[in-house]
Amino acid sequence: EGKASDISISAWHDRTPGFERDFVQ
């Protein structure tokens, strides 16, 4: 959860085999 004053919050999954990762920005 971000703040109302932030611009946006996003999350994504990197499916690269052997390097699977999840990120939030």
PDBML (XML) file of the C-alpha atoms, coordinates in Angstrom:
<?xml version="1.0" encoding="UTF-8" ?>
<PDBx:datablock datablockName="MODEL"
   xmlns:PDBx="http://pdbml.pdb.org/schema/pdbx-v50.xsd"
   xmlns:xsi="http://www.w3.org/2001/XMLSchema-instance"
   xsi:schemaLocation="http://pdbml.pdb.org/schema/pdbx-v50.xsd pdbx-v50.xsd">
   <PDBx:atom_siteCategory>
      <PDBx:atom_site id="1">
         <PDBx:B_iso_or_equiv>0.00</PDBx:B_iso_or_equiv>
         <PDBx:Cartn_x>0.000</PDBx:Cartn_x>
         <PDBx:Cartn_y>0.000</PDBx:Cartn_y>
         <PDBx:Cartn_z>0.000</PDBx:Cartn_z>
         <PDBx:auth_asym_id>A</PDBx:auth_asym_id>
         <PDBx:auth_atom_id>CA</PDBx:auth_atom_id>
         <PDBx:auth_comp_id>GLU</PDBx:auth_comp_id>
         <PDBx:auth_seq_id>1</PDBx:auth_seq_id>
         <PDBx:group_PDB>ATOM</PDBx:group_PDB>
         <PDBx:label_alt_id xsi:nil="true" />
         <PDBx:label_asym_id>A</PDBx:label_asym_id>
         <PDBx:label_atom_id>CA</PDBx:label_atom_id>
         <PDBx:label_comp_id>GLU</PDBx:label_comp_id>
         <PDBx:label_entity_id>1</PDBx:label_entity_id>
         <PDBx:label_seq_id>1</PDBx:label_seq_id>
         <PDBx:occupancy>1.00</PDBx:occupancy>
         <PDBx:pdbx_PDB_model_num>1</PDBx:pdbx_PDB_model_num>
         <PDBx:type_symbol>C</PDBx:type_symbol>
      </PDBx:atom_site>
      <PDBx:atom_site id="2">
         <PDBx:B_iso_or_equiv>0.00</PDBx:B_iso_or_equiv>
         <PDBx:Cartn_x>1.294</PDBx:Cartn_x>
         <PDBx:Cartn_y>3.416</PDBx:Cartn_y>
         <PDBx:Cartn_z>-0.941</PDBx:Cartn_z>
         <PDBx:auth_asym_id>A</PDBx:auth_asym_id>
         <PDBx:auth_atom_id>CA</PDBx:auth_atom_id>
         <PDBx:auth_comp_id>GLY</PDBx:auth_comp_id>
         <PDBx:auth_seq_id>2</PDBx:auth_seq_id>
         <PDBx:group_PDB>ATOM</PDBx:group_PDB>
         <PDBx:label_alt_id xsi:nil="true" />
         <PDBx:label_asym_id>A</PDBx:label_asym_id>
         <PDBx:label_atom_id>CA</PDBx:label_atom_id>
         <PDBx:label_comp_id>GLY</PDBx:label_comp_id>
         <PDBx:label_entity_id>1</PDBx:label_entity_id>
         <PDBx:label_seq_id>2</PDBx:label_seq_id>
         <PDBx:occupancy>1.00</PDBx:occupancy>
         <PDBx:pdbx_PDB_model_num>1</PDBx:pdbx_PDB_model_num>
         <PDBx:type_symbol>C</PDBx:type_symbol>
      </PDBx:atom_site>
      <PDBx:atom_site id="3">
         <PDBx:B_iso_or_equiv>0.00</PDBx:B_iso_or_equiv>
         <PDBx:Cartn_x>0.170</PDBx:Cartn_x>
         <PDBx:Cartn_y>6.880</PDBx:Cartn_y>
         <PDBx:Cartn_z>0.071</PDBx:Cartn_z>
         <PDBx:auth_asym_id>A</PDBx:auth_asym_id>
         <PDBx:auth_atom_id>CA</PDBx:auth_atom_id>
         <PDBx:auth_comp_id>LYS</PDBx:auth_comp_id>
         <PDBx:auth_seq_id>3</PDBx:auth_seq_id>
         <PDBx:group_PDB>ATOM</PDBx:group_PDB>
         <PDBx:label_alt_id xsi:nil="true" />
         <PDBx:label_asym_id>A</PDBx:label_asym_id>
         <PDBx:label_atom_id>CA</PDBx:label_atom_id>
         <PDBx:label_comp_id>LYS</PDBx:label_comp_id>
         <PDBx:label_entity_id>1</PDBx:label_entity_id>
         <PDBx:label_seq_id>3</PDBx:label_seq_id>
         <PDBx:occupancy>1.00</PDBx:occupancy>
         <PDBx:pdbx_PDB_model_num>1</PDBx:pdbx_PDB_model_num>
         <PDBx:type_symbol>C</PDBx:type_symbol>
      </PDBx:atom_site>
      <PDBx:atom_site id="4">
         <PDBx:B_iso_or_equiv>0.00</PDBx:B_iso_or_equiv>
         <PDBx:Cartn_x>-2.512</PDBx:Cartn_x>
         <PDBx:Cartn_y>8.998</PDBx:Cartn_y>
         <PDBx:Cartn_z>-1.546</PDBx:Cartn_z>
         <PDBx:auth_asym_id>A</PDBx:auth_asym_id>
         <PDBx:auth_atom_id>CA</PDBx:auth_atom_id>
         <PDBx:auth_comp_id>ALA</PDBx:auth_comp_id>
         <PDBx:auth_seq_id>4</PDBx:auth_seq_id>
         <PDBx:group_PDB>ATOM</PDBx:group_PDB>
         <PDBx:label_alt_id xsi:nil="true" />
         <PDBx:label_asym_id>A</PDBx:label_asym_id>
         <PDBx:label_atom_id>CA</PDBx:label_atom_id>
         <PDBx:label_comp_id>ALA</PDBx:label_comp_id>
         <PDBx:label_entity_id>1</PDBx:label_entity_id>
         <PDBx:label_seq_id>4</PDBx:label_seq_id>
         <PDBx:occupancy>1.00</PDBx:occupancy>
         <PDBx:pdbx_PDB_model_num>1</PDBx:pdbx_PDB_model_num>
         <PDBx:type_symbol>C</PDBx:type_symbol>
      </PDBx:atom_site>
      <PDBx:atom_site id="5">
         <PDBx:B_iso_or_equiv>0.00</PDBx:B_iso_or_equiv>
         <PDBx:Cartn_x>0.186</PDBx:Cartn_x>
         <PDBx:Cartn_y>11.525</PDBx:Cartn_y>
         <PDBx:Cartn_z>-2.450</PDBx:Cartn_z>
         <PDBx:auth_asym_id>A</PDBx:auth_asym_id>
         <PDBx:auth_atom_id>CA</PDBx:auth_atom_id>
         <PDBx:auth_comp_id>SER</PDBx:auth_comp_id>
         <PDBx:auth_seq_id>5</PDBx:auth_seq_id>
         <PDBx:group_PDB>ATOM</PDBx:group_PDB>
         <PDBx:label_alt_id xsi:nil="true" />
         <PDBx:label_asym_id>A</PDBx:label_asym_id>
         <PDBx:label_atom_id>CA</PDBx:label_atom_id>
         <PDBx:label_comp_id>SER</PDBx:label_comp_id>
         <PDBx:label_entity_id>1</PDBx:label_entity_id>
         <PDBx:label_seq_id>5</PDBx:label_seq_id>
         <PDBx:occupancy>1.00</PDBx:occupancy>
         <PDBx:pdbx_PDB_model_num>1</PDBx:pdbx_PDB_model_num>
         <PDBx:type_symbol>C</PDBx:type_symbol>
      </PDBx:atom_site>
      <PDBx:atom_site id="6">
         <PDBx:B_iso_or_equiv>0.00</PDBx:B_iso_or_equiv>
         <PDBx:Cartn_x>2.141</PDBx:Cartn_x>
         <PDBx:Cartn_y>8.891</PDBx:Cartn_y>
         <PDBx:Cartn_z>-4.416</PDBx:Cartn_z>
         <PDBx:auth_asym_id>A</PDBx:auth_asym_id>
         <PDBx:auth_atom_id>CA</PDBx:auth_atom_id>
         <PDBx:auth_comp_id>ASP</PDBx:auth_comp_id>
         <PDBx:auth_seq_id>6</PDBx:auth_seq_id>
         <PDBx:group_PDB>ATOM</PDBx:group_PDB>
         <PDBx:label_alt_id xsi:nil="true" />
         <PDBx:label_asym_id>A</PDBx:label_asym_id>
         <PDBx:label_atom_id>CA</PDBx:label_atom_id>
         <PDBx:label_comp_id>ASP</PDBx:label_comp_id>
         <PDBx:label_entity_id>1</PDBx:label_entity_id>
         <PDBx:label_seq_id>6</PDBx:label_seq_id>
         <PDBx:occupancy>1.00</PDBx:occupancy>
         <PDBx:pdbx_PDB_model_num>1</PDBx:pdbx_PDB_model_num>
         <PDBx:type_symbol>C</PDBx:type_symbol>
      </PDBx:atom_site>
      <PDBx:atom_site id="7">
         <PDBx:B_iso_or_equiv>0.00</PDBx:B_iso_or_equiv>
         <PDBx:Cartn_x>1.665</PDBx:Cartn_x>
         <PDBx:Cartn_y>8.713</PDBx:Cartn_y>
         <PDBx:Cartn_z>-8.180</PDBx:Cartn_z>
         <PDBx:auth_asym_id>A</PDBx:auth_asym_id>
         <PDBx:auth_atom_id>CA</PDBx:auth_atom_id>
         <PDBx:auth_comp_id>ILE</PDBx:auth_comp_id>
         <PDBx:auth_seq_id>7</PDBx:auth_seq_id>
         <PDBx:group_PDB>ATOM</PDBx:group_PDB>
         <PDBx:label_alt_id xsi:nil="true" />
         <PDBx:label_asym_id>A</PDBx:label_asym_id>
         <PDBx:label_atom_id>CA</PDBx:label_atom_id>
         <PDBx:label_comp_id>ILE</PDBx:label_comp_id>
         <PDBx:label_entity_id>1</PDBx:label_entity_id>
         <PDBx:label_seq_id>7</PDBx:label_seq_id>
         <PDBx:occupancy>1.00</PDBx:occupancy>
         <PDBx:pdbx_PDB_model_num>1</PDBx:pdbx_PDB_model_num>
         <PDBx:type_symbol>C</PDBx:type_symbol>
      </PDBx:atom_site>
      <PDBx:atom_site id="8">
         <PDBx:B_iso_or_equiv>0.00</PDBx:B_iso_or_equiv>
         <PDBx:Cartn_x>1.056</PDBx:Cartn_x>
         <PDBx:Cartn_y>4.957</PDBx:Cartn_y>
         <PDBx:Cartn_z>-8.422</PDBx:Cartn_z>
         <PDBx:auth_asym_id>A</PDBx:auth_asym_id>
         <PDBx:auth_atom_id>CA</PDBx:auth_atom_id>
         <PDBx:auth_comp_id>SER</PDBx:auth_comp_id>
         <PDBx:auth_seq_id>8</PDBx:auth_seq_id>
         <PDBx:group_PDB>ATOM</PDBx:group_PDB>
         <PDBx:label_alt_id xsi:nil="true" />
         <PDBx:label_asym_id>A</PDBx:label_asym_id>
         <PDBx:label_atom_id>CA</PDBx:label_atom_id>
         <PDBx:label_comp_id>SER</PDBx:label_comp_id>
         <PDBx:label_entity_id>1</PDBx:label_entity_id>
         <PDBx:label_seq_id>8</PDBx:label_seq_id>
         <PDBx:occupancy>1.00</PDBx:occupancy>
         <PDBx:pdbx_PDB_model_num>1</PDBx:pdbx_PDB_model_num>
         <PDBx:type_symbol>C</PDBx:type_symbol>
      </PDBx:atom_site>
      <PDBx:atom_site id="9">
         <PDBx:B_iso_or_equiv>0.00</PDBx:B_iso_or_equiv>
         <PDBx:Cartn_x>1.861</PDBx:Cartn_x>
         <PDBx:Cartn_y>1.517</PDBx:Cartn_y>
         <PDBx:Cartn_z>-7.026</PDBx:Cartn_z>
         <PDBx:auth_asym_id>A</PDBx:auth_asym_id>
         <PDBx:auth_atom_id>CA</PDBx:auth_atom_id>
         <PDBx:auth_comp_id>ILE</PDBx:auth_comp_id>
         <PDBx:auth_seq_id>9</PDBx:auth_seq_id>
         <PDBx:group_PDB>ATOM</PDBx:group_PDB>
         <PDBx:label_alt_id xsi:nil="true" />
         <PDBx:label_asym_id>A</PDBx:label_asym_id>
         <PDBx:label_atom_id>CA</PDBx:label_atom_id>
         <PDBx:label_comp_id>ILE</PDBx:label_comp_id>
         <PDBx:label_entity_id>1</PDBx:label_entity_id>
         <PDBx:label_seq_id>9</PDBx:label_seq_id>
         <PDBx:occupancy>1.00</PDBx:occupancy>
         <PDBx:pdbx_PDB_model_num>1</PDBx:pdbx_PDB_model_num>
         <PDBx:type_symbol>C</PDBx:type_symbol>
      </PDBx:atom_site>
      <PDBx:atom_site id="10">
         <PDBx:B_iso_or_equiv>0.00</PDBx:B_iso_or_equiv>
         <PDBx:Cartn_x>2.537</PDBx:Cartn_x>
         <PDBx:Cartn_y>-1.479</PDBx:Cartn_y>
         <PDBx:Cartn_z>-9.271</PDBx:Cartn_z>
         <PDBx:auth_asym_id>A</PDBx:auth_asym_id>
         <PDBx:auth_atom_id>CA</PDBx:auth_atom_id>
         <PDBx:auth_comp_id>SER</PDBx:auth_comp_id>
         <PDBx:auth_seq_id>10</PDBx:auth_seq_id>
         <PDBx:group_PDB>ATOM</PDBx:group_PDB>
         <PDBx:label_alt_id xsi:nil="true" />
         <PDBx:label_asym_id>A</PDBx:label_asym_id>
         <PDBx:label_atom_id>CA</PDBx:label_atom_id>
         <PDBx:label_comp_id>SER</PDBx:label_comp_id>
         <PDBx:label_entity_id>1</PDBx:label_entity_id>
         <PDBx:label_seq_id>10</PDBx:label_seq_id>
         <PDBx:occupancy>1.00</PDBx:occupancy>
         <PDBx:pdbx_PDB_model_num>1</PDBx:pdbx_PDB_model_num>
         <PDBx:type_symbol>C</PDBx:type_symbol>
      </PDBx:atom_site>
      <PDBx:atom_site id="11">
         <PDBx:B_iso_or_equiv>0.00</PDBx:B_iso_or_equiv>
         <PDBx:Cartn_x>3.665</PDBx:Cartn_x>
         <PDBx:Cartn_y>-5.105</PDBx:Cartn_y>
         <PDBx:Cartn_z>-8.911</PDBx:Cartn_z>
         <PDBx:auth_asym_id>A</PDBx:auth_asym_id>
         <PDBx:auth_atom_id>CA</PDBx:auth_atom_id>
         <PDBx:auth_comp_id>ALA</PDBx:auth_comp_id>
         <PDBx:auth_seq_id>11</PDBx:auth_seq_id>
         <PDBx:group_PDB>ATOM</PDBx:group_PDB>
         <PDBx:label_alt_id xsi:nil="true" />
         <PDBx:label_asym_id>A</PDBx:label_asym_id>
         <PDBx:label_atom_id>CA</PDBx:label_atom_id>
         <PDBx:label_comp_id>ALA</PDBx:label_comp_id>
         <PDBx:label_entity_id>1</PDBx:label_entity_id>
         <PDBx:label_seq_id>11</PDBx:label_seq_id>
         <PDBx:occupancy>1.00</PDBx:occupancy>
         <PDBx:pdbx_PDB_model_num>1</PDBx:pdbx_PDB_model_num>
         <PDBx:type_symbol>C</PDBx:type_symbol>
      </PDBx:atom_site>
      <PDBx:atom_site id="12">
         <PDBx:B_iso_or_equiv>0.00</PDBx:B_iso_or_equiv>
         <PDBx:Cartn_x>4.870</PDBx:Cartn_x>
         <PDBx:Cartn_y>-7.624</PDBx:Cartn_y>
         <PDBx:Cartn_z>-11.480</PDBx:Cartn_z>
         <PDBx:auth_asym_id>A</PDBx:auth_asym_id>
         <PDBx:auth_atom_id>CA</PDBx:auth_atom_id>
         <PDBx:auth_comp_id>TRP</PDBx:auth_comp_id>
         <PDBx:auth_seq_id>12</PDBx:auth_seq_id>
         <PDBx:group_PDB>ATOM</PDBx:group_PDB>
         <PDBx:label_alt_id xsi:nil="true" />
         <PDBx:label_asym_id>A</PDBx:label_asym_id>
         <PDBx:label_atom_id>CA</PDBx:label_atom_id>
         <PDBx:label_comp_id>TRP</PDBx:label_comp_id>
         <PDBx:label_entity_id>1</PDBx:label_entity_id>
         <PDBx:label_seq_id>12</PDBx:label_seq_id>
         <PDBx:occupancy>1.00</PDBx:occupancy>
         <PDBx:pdbx_PDB_model_num>1</PDBx:pdbx_PDB_model_num>
         <PDBx:type_symbol>C</PDBx:type_symbol>
      </PDBx:atom_site>
      <PDBx:atom_site id="13">
         <PDBx:B_iso_or_equiv>0.00</PDBx:B_iso_or_equiv>
         <PDBx:Cartn_x>6.381</PDBx:Cartn_x>
         <PDBx:Cartn_y>-11.073</PDBx:Cartn_y>
         <PDBx:Cartn_z>-11.910</PDBx:Cartn_z>
         <PDBx:auth_asym_id>A</PDBx:auth_asym_id>
         <PDBx:auth_atom_id>CA</PDBx:auth_atom_id>
         <PDBx:auth_comp_id>HIS</PDBx:auth_comp_id>
         <PDBx:auth_seq_id>13</PDBx:auth_seq_id>
         <PDBx:group_PDB>ATOM</PDBx:group_PDB>
         <PDBx:label_alt_id xsi:nil="true" />
         <PDBx:label_asym_id>A</PDBx:label_asym_id>
         <PDBx:label_atom_id>CA</PDBx:label_atom_id>
         <PDBx:label_comp_id>HIS</PDBx:label_comp_id>
         <PDBx:label_entity_id>1</PDBx:label_entity_id>
         <PDBx:label_seq_id>13</PDBx:label_seq_id>
         <PDBx:occupancy>1.00</PDBx:occupancy>
         <PDBx:pdbx_PDB_model_num>1</PDBx:pdbx_PDB_model_num>
         <PDBx:type_symbol>C</PDBx:type_symbol>
      </PDBx:atom_site>
      <PDBx:atom_site id="14">
         <PDBx:B_iso_or_equiv>0.00</PDBx:B_iso_or_equiv>
         <PDBx:Cartn_x>9.585</PDBx:Cartn_x>
         <PDBx:Cartn_y>-11.753</PDBx:Cartn_y>
         <PDBx:Cartn_z>-13.868</PDBx:Cartn_z>
         <PDBx:auth_asym_id>A</PDBx:auth_asym_id>
         <PDBx:auth_atom_id>CA</PDBx:auth_atom_id>
         <PDBx:auth_comp_id>ASP</PDBx:auth_comp_id>
         <PDBx:auth_seq_id>14</PDBx:auth_seq_id>
         <PDBx:group_PDB>ATOM</PDBx:group_PDB>
         <PDBx:label_alt_id xsi:nil="true" />
         <PDBx:label_asym_id>A</PDBx:label_asym_id>
         <PDBx:label_atom_id>CA</PDBx:label_atom_id>
         <PDBx:label_comp_id>ASP</PDBx:label_comp_id>
         <PDBx:label_entity_id>1</PDBx:label_entity_id>
         <PDBx:label_seq_id>14</PDBx:label_seq_id>
         <PDBx:occupancy>1.00</PDBx:occupancy>
         <PDBx:pdbx_PDB_model_num>1</PDBx:pdbx_PDB_model_num>
         <PDBx:type_symbol>C</PDBx:type_symbol>
      </PDBx:atom_site>
      <PDBx:atom_site id="15">
         <PDBx:B_iso_or_equiv>0.00</PDBx:B_iso_or_equiv>
         <PDBx:Cartn_x>9.216</PDBx:Cartn_x>
         <PDBx:Cartn_y>-15.192</PDBx:Cartn_y>
         <PDBx:Cartn_z>-15.496</PDBx:Cartn_z>
         <PDBx:auth_asym_id>A</PDBx:auth_asym_id>
         <PDBx:auth_atom_id>CA</PDBx:auth_atom_id>
         <PDBx:auth_comp_id>ARG</PDBx:auth_comp_id>
         <PDBx:auth_seq_id>15</PDBx:auth_seq_id>
         <PDBx:group_PDB>ATOM</PDBx:group_PDB>
         <PDBx:label_alt_id xsi:nil="true" />
         <PDBx:label_asym_id>A</PDBx:label_asym_id>
         <PDBx:label_atom_id>CA</PDBx:label_atom_id>
         <PDBx:label_comp_id>ARG</PDBx:label_comp_id>
         <PDBx:label_entity_id>1</PDBx:label_entity_id>
         <PDBx:label_seq_id>15</PDBx:label_seq_id>
         <PDBx:occupancy>1.00</PDBx:occupancy>
         <PDBx:pdbx_PDB_model_num>1</PDBx:pdbx_PDB_model_num>
         <PDBx:type_symbol>C</PDBx:type_symbol>
      </PDBx:atom_site>
      <PDBx:atom_site id="16">
         <PDBx:B_iso_or_equiv>0.00</PDBx:B_iso_or_equiv>
         <PDBx:Cartn_x>12.832</PDBx:Cartn_x>
         <PDBx:Cartn_y>-15.543</PDBx:Cartn_y>
         <PDBx:Cartn_z>-16.716</PDBx:Cartn_z>
         <PDBx:auth_asym_id>A</PDBx:auth_asym_id>
         <PDBx:auth_atom_id>CA</PDBx:auth_atom_id>
         <PDBx:auth_comp_id>THR</PDBx:auth_comp_id>
         <PDBx:auth_seq_id>16</PDBx:auth_seq_id>
         <PDBx:group_PDB>ATOM</PDBx:group_PDB>
         <PDBx:label_alt_id xsi:nil="true" />
         <PDBx:label_asym_id>A</PDBx:label_asym_id>
         <PDBx:label_atom_id>CA</PDBx:label_atom_id>
         <PDBx:label_comp_id>THR</PDBx:label_comp_id>
         <PDBx:label_entity_id>1</PDBx:label_entity_id>
         <PDBx:label_seq_id>16</PDBx:label_seq_id>
         <PDBx:occupancy>1.00</PDBx:occupancy>
         <PDBx:pdbx_PDB_model_num>1</PDBx:pdbx_PDB_model_num>
         <PDBx:type_symbol>C</PDBx:type_symbol>
      </PDBx:atom_site>
      <PDBx:atom_site id="17">
         <PDBx:B_iso_or_equiv>0.00</PDBx:B_iso_or_equiv>
         <PDBx:Cartn_x>13.719</PDBx:Cartn_x>
         <PDBx:Cartn_y>-19.243</PDBx:Cartn_y>
         <PDBx:Cartn_z>-16.183</PDBx:Cartn_z>
         <PDBx:auth_asym_id>A</PDBx:auth_asym_id>
         <PDBx:auth_atom_id>CA</PDBx:auth_atom_id>
         <PDBx:auth_comp_id>PRO</PDBx:auth_comp_id>
         <PDBx:auth_seq_id>17</PDBx:auth_seq_id>
         <PDBx:group_PDB>ATOM</PDBx:group_PDB>
         <PDBx:label_alt_id xsi:nil="true" />
         <PDBx:label_asym_id>A</PDBx:label_asym_id>
         <PDBx:label_atom_id>CA</PDBx:label_atom_id>
         <PDBx:label_comp_id>PRO</PDBx:label_comp_id>
         <PDBx:label_entity_id>1</PDBx:label_entity_id>
         <PDBx:label_seq_id>17</PDBx:label_seq_id>
         <PDBx:occupancy>1.00</PDBx:occupancy>
         <PDBx:pdbx_PDB_model_num>1</PDBx:pdbx_PDB_model_num>
         <PDBx:type_symbol>C</PDBx:type_symbol>
      </PDBx:atom_site>
      <PDBx:atom_site id="18">
         <PDBx:B_iso_or_equiv>0.00</PDBx:B_iso_or_equiv>
         <PDBx:Cartn_x>16.177</PDBx:Cartn_x>
         <PDBx:Cartn_y>-19.626</PDBx:Cartn_y>
         <PDBx:Cartn_z>-13.326</PDBx:Cartn_z>
         <PDBx:auth_asym_id>A</PDBx:auth_asym_id>
         <PDBx:auth_atom_id>CA</PDBx:auth_atom_id>
         <PDBx:auth_comp_id>GLY</PDBx:auth_comp_id>
         <PDBx:auth_seq_id>18</PDBx:auth_seq_id>
         <PDBx:group_PDB>ATOM</PDBx:group_PDB>
         <PDBx:label_alt_id xsi:nil="true" />
         <PDBx:label_asym_id>A</PDBx:label_asym_id>
         <PDBx:label_atom_id>CA</PDBx:label_atom_id>
         <PDBx:label_comp_id>GLY</PDBx:label_comp_id>
         <PDBx:label_entity_id>1</PDBx:label_entity_id>
         <PDBx:label_seq_id>18</PDBx:label_seq_id>
         <PDBx:occupancy>1.00</PDBx:occupancy>
         <PDBx:pdbx_PDB_model_num>1</PDBx:pdbx_PDB_model_num>
         <PDBx:type_symbol>C</PDBx:type_symbol>
      </PDBx:atom_site>
      <PDBx:atom_site id="19">
         <PDBx:B_iso_or_equiv>0.00</PDBx:B_iso_or_equiv>
         <PDBx:Cartn_x>15.698</PDBx:Cartn_x>
         <PDBx:Cartn_y>-15.996</PDBx:Cartn_y>
         <PDBx:Cartn_z>-12.292</PDBx:Cartn_z>
         <PDBx:auth_asym_id>A</PDBx:auth_asym_id>
         <PDBx:auth_atom_id>CA</PDBx:auth_atom_id>
         <PDBx:auth_comp_id>PHE</PDBx:auth_comp_id>
         <PDBx:auth_seq_id>19</PDBx:auth_seq_id>
         <PDBx:group_PDB>ATOM</PDBx:group_PDB>
         <PDBx:label_alt_id xsi:nil="true" />
         <PDBx:label_asym_id>A</PDBx:label_asym_id>
         <PDBx:label_atom_id>CA</PDBx:label_atom_id>
         <PDBx:label_comp_id>PHE</PDBx:label_comp_id>
         <PDBx:label_entity_id>1</PDBx:label_entity_id>
         <PDBx:label_seq_id>19</PDBx:label_seq_id>
         <PDBx:occupancy>1.00</PDBx:occupancy>
         <PDBx:pdbx_PDB_model_num>1</PDBx:pdbx_PDB_model_num>
         <PDBx:type_symbol>C</PDBx:type_symbol>
      </PDBx:atom_site>
      <PDBx:atom_site id="20">
         <PDBx:B_iso_or_equiv>0.00</PDBx:B_iso_or_equiv>
         <PDBx:Cartn_x>12.002</PDBx:Cartn_x>
         <PDBx:Cartn_y>-15.848</PDBx:Cartn_y>
         <PDBx:Cartn_z>-11.395</PDBx:Cartn_z>
         <PDBx:auth_asym_id>A</PDBx:auth_asym_id>
         <PDBx:auth_atom_id>CA</PDBx:auth_atom_id>
         <PDBx:auth_comp_id>GLU</PDBx:auth_comp_id>
         <PDBx:auth_seq_id>20</PDBx:auth_seq_id>
         <PDBx:group_PDB>ATOM</PDBx:group_PDB>
         <PDBx:label_alt_id xsi:nil="true" />
         <PDBx:label_asym_id>A</PDBx:label_asym_id>
         <PDBx:label_atom_id>CA</PDBx:label_atom_id>
         <PDBx:label_comp_id>GLU</PDBx:label_comp_id>
         <PDBx:label_entity_id>1</PDBx:label_entity_id>
         <PDBx:label_seq_id>20</PDBx:label_seq_id>
         <PDBx:occupancy>1.00</PDBx:occupancy>
         <PDBx:pdbx_PDB_model_num>1</PDBx:pdbx_PDB_model_num>
         <PDBx:type_symbol>C</PDBx:type_symbol>
      </PDBx:atom_site>
      <PDBx:atom_site id="21">
         <PDBx:B_iso_or_equiv>0.00</PDBx:B_iso_or_equiv>
         <PDBx:Cartn_x>11.425</PDBx:Cartn_x>
         <PDBx:Cartn_y>-12.776</PDBx:Cartn_y>
         <PDBx:Cartn_z>-9.249</PDBx:Cartn_z>
         <PDBx:auth_asym_id>A</PDBx:auth_asym_id>
         <PDBx:auth_atom_id>CA</PDBx:auth_atom_id>
         <PDBx:auth_comp_id>ARG</PDBx:auth_comp_id>
         <PDBx:auth_seq_id>21</PDBx:auth_seq_id>
         <PDBx:group_PDB>ATOM</PDBx:group_PDB>
         <PDBx:label_alt_id xsi:nil="true" />
         <PDBx:label_asym_id>A</PDBx:label_asym_id>
         <PDBx:label_atom_id>CA</PDBx:label_atom_id>
         <PDBx:label_comp_id>ARG</PDBx:label_comp_id>
         <PDBx:label_entity_id>1</PDBx:label_entity_id>
         <PDBx:label_seq_id>21</PDBx:label_seq_id>
         <PDBx:occupancy>1.00</PDBx:occupancy>
         <PDBx:pdbx_PDB_model_num>1</PDBx:pdbx_PDB_model_num>
         <PDBx:type_symbol>C</PDBx:type_symbol>
      </PDBx:atom_site>
      <PDBx:atom_site id="22">
         <PDBx:B_iso_or_equiv>0.00</PDBx:B_iso_or_equiv>
         <PDBx:Cartn_x>8.607</PDBx:Cartn_x>
         <PDBx:Cartn_y>-10.549</PDBx:Cartn_y>
         <PDBx:Cartn_z>-8.050</PDBx:Cartn_z>
         <PDBx:auth_asym_id>A</PDBx:auth_asym_id>
         <PDBx:auth_atom_id>CA</PDBx:auth_atom_id>
         <PDBx:auth_comp_id>ASP</PDBx:auth_comp_id>
         <PDBx:auth_seq_id>22</PDBx:auth_seq_id>
         <PDBx:group_PDB>ATOM</PDBx:group_PDB>
         <PDBx:label_alt_id xsi:nil="true" />
         <PDBx:label_asym_id>A</PDBx:label_asym_id>
         <PDBx:label_atom_id>CA</PDBx:label_atom_id>
         <PDBx:label_comp_id>ASP</PDBx:label_comp_id>
         <PDBx:label_entity_id>1</PDBx:label_entity_id>
         <PDBx:label_seq_id>22</PDBx:label_seq_id>
         <PDBx:occupancy>1.00</PDBx:occupancy>
         <PDBx:pdbx_PDB_model_num>1</PDBx:pdbx_PDB_model_num>
         <PDBx:type_symbol>C</PDBx:type_symbol>
      </PDBx:atom_site>
      <PDBx:atom_site id="23">
         <PDBx:B_iso_or_equiv>0.00</PDBx:B_iso_or_equiv>
         <PDBx:Cartn_x>8.818</PDBx:Cartn_x>
         <PDBx:Cartn_y>-6.769</PDBx:Cartn_y>
         <PDBx:Cartn_z>-7.776</PDBx:Cartn_z>
         <PDBx:auth_asym_id>A</PDBx:auth_asym_id>
         <PDBx:auth_atom_id>CA</PDBx:auth_atom_id>
         <PDBx:auth_comp_id>PHE</PDBx:auth_comp_id>
         <PDBx:auth_seq_id>23</PDBx:auth_seq_id>
         <PDBx:group_PDB>ATOM</PDBx:group_PDB>
         <PDBx:label_alt_id xsi:nil="true" />
         <PDBx:label_asym_id>A</PDBx:label_asym_id>
         <PDBx:label_atom_id>CA</PDBx:label_atom_id>
         <PDBx:label_comp_id>PHE</PDBx:label_comp_id>
         <PDBx:label_entity_id>1</PDBx:label_entity_id>
         <PDBx:label_seq_id>23</PDBx:label_seq_id>
         <PDBx:occupancy>1.00</PDBx:occupancy>
         <PDBx:pdbx_PDB_model_num>1</PDBx:pdbx_PDB_model_num>
         <PDBx:type_symbol>C</PDBx:type_symbol>
      </PDBx:atom_site>
      <PDBx:atom_site id="24">
         <PDBx:B_iso_or_equiv>0.00</PDBx:B_iso_or_equiv>
         <PDBx:Cartn_x>6.863</PDBx:Cartn_x>
         <PDBx:Cartn_y>-3.854</PDBx:Cartn_y>
         <PDBx:Cartn_z>-6.358</PDBx:Cartn_z>
         <PDBx:auth_asym_id>A</PDBx:auth_asym_id>
         <PDBx:auth_atom_id>CA</PDBx:auth_atom_id>
         <PDBx:auth_comp_id>VAL</PDBx:auth_comp_id>
         <PDBx:auth_seq_id>24</PDBx:auth_seq_id>
         <PDBx:group_PDB>ATOM</PDBx:group_PDB>
         <PDBx:label_alt_id xsi:nil="true" />
         <PDBx:label_asym_id>A</PDBx:label_asym_id>
         <PDBx:label_atom_id>CA</PDBx:label_atom_id>
         <PDBx:label_comp_id>VAL</PDBx:label_comp_id>
         <PDBx:label_entity_id>1</PDBx:label_entity_id>
         <PDBx:label_seq_id>24</PDBx:label_seq_id>
         <PDBx:occupancy>1.00</PDBx:occupancy>
         <PDBx:pdbx_PDB_model_num>1</PDBx:pdbx_PDB_model_num>
         <PDBx:type_symbol>C</PDBx:type_symbol>
      </PDBx:atom_site>
      <PDBx:atom_site id="25">
         <PDBx:B_iso_or_equiv>0.00</PDBx:B_iso_or_equiv>
         <PDBx:Cartn_x>7.392</PDBx:Cartn_x>
         <PDBx:Cartn_y>-0.252</PDBx:Cartn_y>
         <PDBx:Cartn_z>-7.406</PDBx:Cartn_z>
         <PDBx:auth_asym_id>A</PDBx:auth_asym_id>
         <PDBx:auth_atom_id>CA</PDBx:auth_atom_id>
         <PDBx:auth_comp_id>GLN</PDBx:auth_comp_id>
         <PDBx:auth_seq_id>25</PDBx:auth_seq_id>
         <PDBx:group_PDB>ATOM</PDBx:group_PDB>
         <PDBx:label_alt_id xsi:nil="true" />
         <PDBx:label_asym_id>A</PDBx:label_asym_id>
         <PDBx:label_atom_id>CA</PDBx:label_atom_id>
         <PDBx:label_comp_id>GLN</PDBx:label_comp_id>
         <PDBx:label_entity_id>1</PDBx:label_entity_id>
         <PDBx:label_seq_id>25</PDBx:label_seq_id>
         <PDBx:occupancy>1.00</PDBx:occupancy>
         <PDBx:pdbx_PDB_model_num>1</PDBx:pdbx_PDB_model_num>
         <PDBx:type_symbol>C</PDBx:type_symbol>
      </PDBx:atom_site>
   </PDBx:atom_siteCategory>
</PDBx:datablock>
